[in-house]
């Protein structure tokens, strides 16, 4: 299992979330994942999780400086960023939040939003 999130990594996530939402509680957990679709064996990895009104966000630390991200809309629809792994935690978190914002805009209005 990769090492837990460091204090610096937690600070990066909290800083990004606090710039968008006022009061977000960050929870730490362990999640079983497969690194690739071909993997049959799961690996237990640390995860940082937070929730907003309709979404649950998950940042997974797959290895040292290797992160995965996903969010769940209304608890059942899983959406990722289209990038399998990130080497930069800030980029991982910010991209996930951008994808979620674009998803919310495109699903709640007739505005055509393209991914950035």
C-alpha atoms as a PDB file:
ATOM      1  CA  UNK A   1       0.000   0.000   0.000  1.00  0.00           C
ATOM      2  CA  UNK A   2       1.323   3.472  -0.840  1.00  0.00           C
ATOM      3  CA  UNK A   3       2.110   5.760   2.075  1.00  0.00           C
ATOM      4  CA  UNK A   4      -0.694   7.924   3.434  1.00  0.00           C
ATOM      5  CA  UNK A   5      -1.164  11.487   2.274  1.00  0.00           C
ATOM      6  CA  UNK A   6       1.478  13.757   3.771  1.00  0.00           C
ATOM      7  CA  UNK A   7       0.593  16.963   5.613  1.00  0.00           C
ATOM      8  CA  UNK A   8       1.727  18.901   2.528  1.00  0.00           C
ATOM      9  CA  UNK A   9      -0.528  16.879   0.225  1.00  0.00           C
ATOM     10  CA  UNK A  10      -3.512  17.387   2.527  1.00  0.00           C
ATOM     11  CA  UNK A  11      -2.768  21.122   2.593  1.00  0.00           C
ATOM     12  CA  UNK A  12      -2.755  21.222  -1.241  1.00  0.00           C
ATOM     13  CA  UNK A  13      -6.174  19.563  -1.411  1.00  0.00           C
ATOM     14  CA  UNK A  14      -7.656  21.743   1.347  1.00  0.00           C
ATOM     15  CA  UNK A  15      -6.347  24.922  -0.278  1.00  0.00           C
ATOM     16  CA  UNK A  16      -7.925  24.039  -3.630  1.00  0.00           C
ATOM     17  CA  UNK A  17     -11.270  23.065  -2.137  1.00  0.00           C
ATOM     18  CA  UNK A  18     -11.446  26.105   0.163  1.00  0.00           C
ATOM     19  CA  UNK A  19     -11.006  28.428  -2.818  1.00  0.00           C
ATOM     20  CA  UNK A  20     -14.213  27.029  -4.305  1.00  0.00           C
ATOM     21  CA  UNK A  21     -16.316  25.988  -1.302  1.00  0.00           C
ATOM     22  CA  UNK A  22     -16.357  27.655   2.088  1.00  0.00           C
ATOM     23  CA  UNK A  23     -16.774  24.695   4.443  1.00  0.00           C
ATOM     24  CA  UNK A  24     -15.677  21.353   3.048  1.00  0.00           C
ATOM     25  CA  UNK A  25     -14.688  18.529   5.361  1.00  0.00           C
ATOM     26  CA  UNK A  26     -11.859  16.426   3.965  1.00  0.00           C
ATOM     27  CA  UNK A  27     -11.970  12.777   5.031  1.00  0.00           C
ATOM     28  CA  UNK A  28      -9.160  10.255   4.681  1.00  0.00           C
ATOM     29  CA  UNK A  29      -9.934   6.669   3.758  1.00  0.00           C
ATOM     30  CA  UNK A  30      -8.471   3.566   2.136  1.00  0.00           C
ATOM     31  CA  UNK A  31      -9.835   2.354  -1.203  1.00  0.00           C
ATOM     32  CA  UNK A  32      -9.152  -0.797  -3.200  1.00  0.00           C
ATOM     33  CA  UNK A  33      -8.268  -0.048  -6.808  1.00  0.00           C
ATOM     34  CA  UNK A  34      -6.809  -1.670  -9.880  1.00  0.00           C
ATOM     35  CA  UNK A  35      -4.116   0.470 -11.486  1.00  0.00           C
ATOM     36  CA  UNK A  36      -5.084  -0.519 -15.035  1.00  0.00           C
ATOM     37  CA  UNK A  37      -8.016  -2.293 -16.668  1.00  0.00           C
ATOM     38  CA  UNK A  38      -5.754  -5.327 -17.229  1.00  0.00           C
ATOM     39  CA  UNK A  39      -4.942  -5.718 -13.531  1.00  0.00           C
ATOM     40  CA  UNK A  40      -6.720  -8.565 -11.797  1.00  0.00           C
ATOM     41  CA  UNK A  41      -5.270  -7.808  -8.378  1.00  0.00           C
ATOM     42  CA  UNK A  42      -6.522  -4.870  -6.337  1.00  0.00           C
ATOM     43  CA  UNK A  43      -4.300  -2.600  -4.284  1.00  0.00           C
ATOM     44  CA  UNK A  44      -5.322  -0.781  -1.111  1.00  0.00           C
ATOM     45  CA  UNK A  45      -4.575   2.937  -1.514  1.00  0.00           C
ATOM     46  CA  UNK A  46      -5.087   6.064   0.598  1.00  0.00           C
ATOM     47  CA  UNK A  47      -7.859   8.381  -0.560  1.00  0.00           C
ATOM     48  CA  UNK A  48      -8.990  11.896   0.249  1.00  0.00           C
ATOM     49  CA  UNK A  49     -12.765  12.337   0.033  1.00  0.00           C
ATOM     50  CA  UNK A  50     -15.039  15.372   0.276  1.00  0.00           C
ATOM     51  CA  UNK A  51     -18.678  16.040  -0.506  1.00  0.00           C
ATOM     52  CA  UNK A  52     -20.702  18.927  -1.828  1.00  0.00           C
ATOM     53  CA  UNK A  53     -24.471  19.124  -2.334  1.00  0.00           C
ATOM     54  CA  UNK A  54     -24.730  16.604  -5.193  1.00  0.00           C
ATOM     55  CA  UNK A  55     -21.189  15.268  -5.587  1.00  0.00           C
ATOM     56  CA  UNK A  56     -18.634  13.141  -3.802  1.00  0.00           C
ATOM     57  CA  UNK A  57     -15.014  13.736  -4.838  1.00  0.00           C
ATOM     58  CA  UNK A  58     -12.231  11.176  -4.451  1.00  0.00           C
ATOM     59  CA  UNK A  59      -8.482  11.684  -4.887  1.00  0.00           C
ATOM     60  CA  UNK A  60      -6.542   8.415  -4.694  1.00  0.00           C
ATOM     61  CA  UNK A  61      -2.839   8.189  -3.961  1.00  0.00           C
ATOM     62  CA  UNK A  62      -1.827   5.212  -6.105  1.00  0.00           C
ATOM     63  CA  UNK A  63       1.895   5.598  -5.405  1.00  0.00           C
ATOM     64  CA  UNK A  64       4.383   8.293  -4.442  1.00  0.00           C
ATOM     65  CA  UNK A  65       3.513  11.258  -6.683  1.00  0.00           C
ATOM     66  CA  UNK A  66       0.903   9.223  -8.586  1.00  0.00           C
ATOM     67  CA  UNK A  67      -2.730  10.257  -8.147  1.00  0.00           C
ATOM     68  CA  UNK A  68      -6.095   9.258  -9.601  1.00  0.00           C
ATOM     69  CA  UNK A  69      -9.346  11.189  -9.370  1.00  0.00           C
ATOM     70  CA  UNK A  70     -13.067  10.667  -9.769  1.00  0.00           C
ATOM     71  CA  UNK A  71     -16.313  12.205  -8.631  1.00  0.00           C
ATOM     72  CA  UNK A  72     -19.754  10.733  -8.162  1.00  0.00           C
ATOM     73  CA  UNK A  73     -22.868  12.687  -9.083  1.00  0.00           C
ATOM     74  CA  UNK A  74     -25.933  11.916  -6.959  1.00  0.00           C
ATOM     75  CA  UNK A  75     -24.071   8.939  -5.533  1.00  0.00           C
ATOM     76  CA  UNK A  76     -24.389   6.760  -8.597  1.00  0.00           C
ATOM     77  CA  UNK A  77     -22.923   8.372 -11.723  1.00  0.00           C
ATOM     78  CA  UNK A  78     -19.127   8.018 -11.765  1.00  0.00           C
ATOM     79  CA  UNK A  79     -17.204  10.642 -13.748  1.00  0.00           C
ATOM     80  CA  UNK A  80     -13.447  10.933 -14.201  1.00  0.00           C
ATOM     81  CA  UNK A  81     -11.236  13.495 -15.882  1.00  0.00           C
ATOM     82  CA  UNK A  82     -10.178  11.319 -18.802  1.00  0.00           C
ATOM     83  CA  UNK A  83      -6.612  11.202 -17.456  1.00  0.00           C
ATOM     84  CA  UNK A  84      -5.717   7.850 -15.893  1.00  0.00           C
ATOM     85  CA  UNK A  85      -3.015   9.148 -13.520  1.00  0.00           C
ATOM     86  CA  UNK A  86      -1.446  12.445 -12.491  1.00  0.00           C
ATOM     87  CA  UNK A  87       2.076  13.138 -11.226  1.00  0.00           C
ATOM     88  CA  UNK A  88       1.068  16.534  -9.829  1.00  0.00           C
ATOM     89  CA  UNK A  89      -1.505  16.612  -7.022  1.00  0.00           C
ATOM     90  CA  UNK A  90      -2.567  20.217  -7.665  1.00  0.00           C
ATOM     91  CA  UNK A  91      -3.234  19.451 -11.310  1.00  0.00           C
ATOM     92  CA  UNK A  92      -5.206  16.345 -10.299  1.00  0.00           C
ATOM     93  CA  UNK A  93      -7.447  18.227  -7.855  1.00  0.00           C
ATOM     94  CA  UNK A  94      -7.973  21.313 -10.014  1.00  0.00           C
ATOM     95  CA  UNK A  95      -8.742  19.284 -13.142  1.00  0.00           C
ATOM     96  CA  UNK A  96     -11.275  17.181 -11.230  1.00  0.00           C
ATOM     97  CA  UNK A  97     -12.998  20.327  -9.963  1.00  0.00           C
ATOM     98  CA  UNK A  98     -13.046  21.838 -13.500  1.00  0.00           C
ATOM     99  CA  UNK A  99     -14.561  18.669 -14.963  1.00  0.00           C
ATOM    100  CA  UNK A 100     -17.216  18.670 -12.233  1.00  0.00           C
ATOM    101  CA  UNK A 101     -18.022  22.353 -12.844  1.00  0.00           C
ATOM    102  CA  UNK A 102     -18.310  21.745 -16.590  1.00  0.00           C
ATOM    103  CA  UNK A 103     -20.503  18.710 -15.959  1.00  0.00           C
ATOM    104  CA  UNK A 104     -22.810  20.685 -13.657  1.00  0.00           C
ATOM    105  CA  UNK A 105     -23.092  23.552 -16.167  1.00  0.00           C
ATOM    106  CA  UNK A 106     -23.795  21.279 -19.106  1.00  0.00           C
ATOM    107  CA  UNK A 107     -26.306  19.136 -17.226  1.00  0.00           C
ATOM    108  CA  UNK A 108     -28.262  22.042 -15.756  1.00  0.00           C
ATOM    109  CA  UNK A 109     -28.524  24.361 -18.745  1.00  0.00           C
ATOM    110  CA  UNK A 110     -28.484  24.510 -22.488  1.00  0.00           C
ATOM    111  CA  UNK A 111     -25.011  26.086 -22.470  1.00  0.00           C
ATOM    112  CA  UNK A 112     -22.509  24.111 -24.523  1.00  0.00           C
ATOM    113  CA  UNK A 113     -19.432  23.738 -22.309  1.00  0.00           C
ATOM    114  CA  UNK A 114     -16.261  22.155 -23.627  1.00  0.00           C
ATOM    115  CA  UNK A 115     -13.695  20.503 -21.353  1.00  0.00           C
ATOM    116  CA  UNK A 116     -10.689  22.638 -20.548  1.00  0.00           C
END
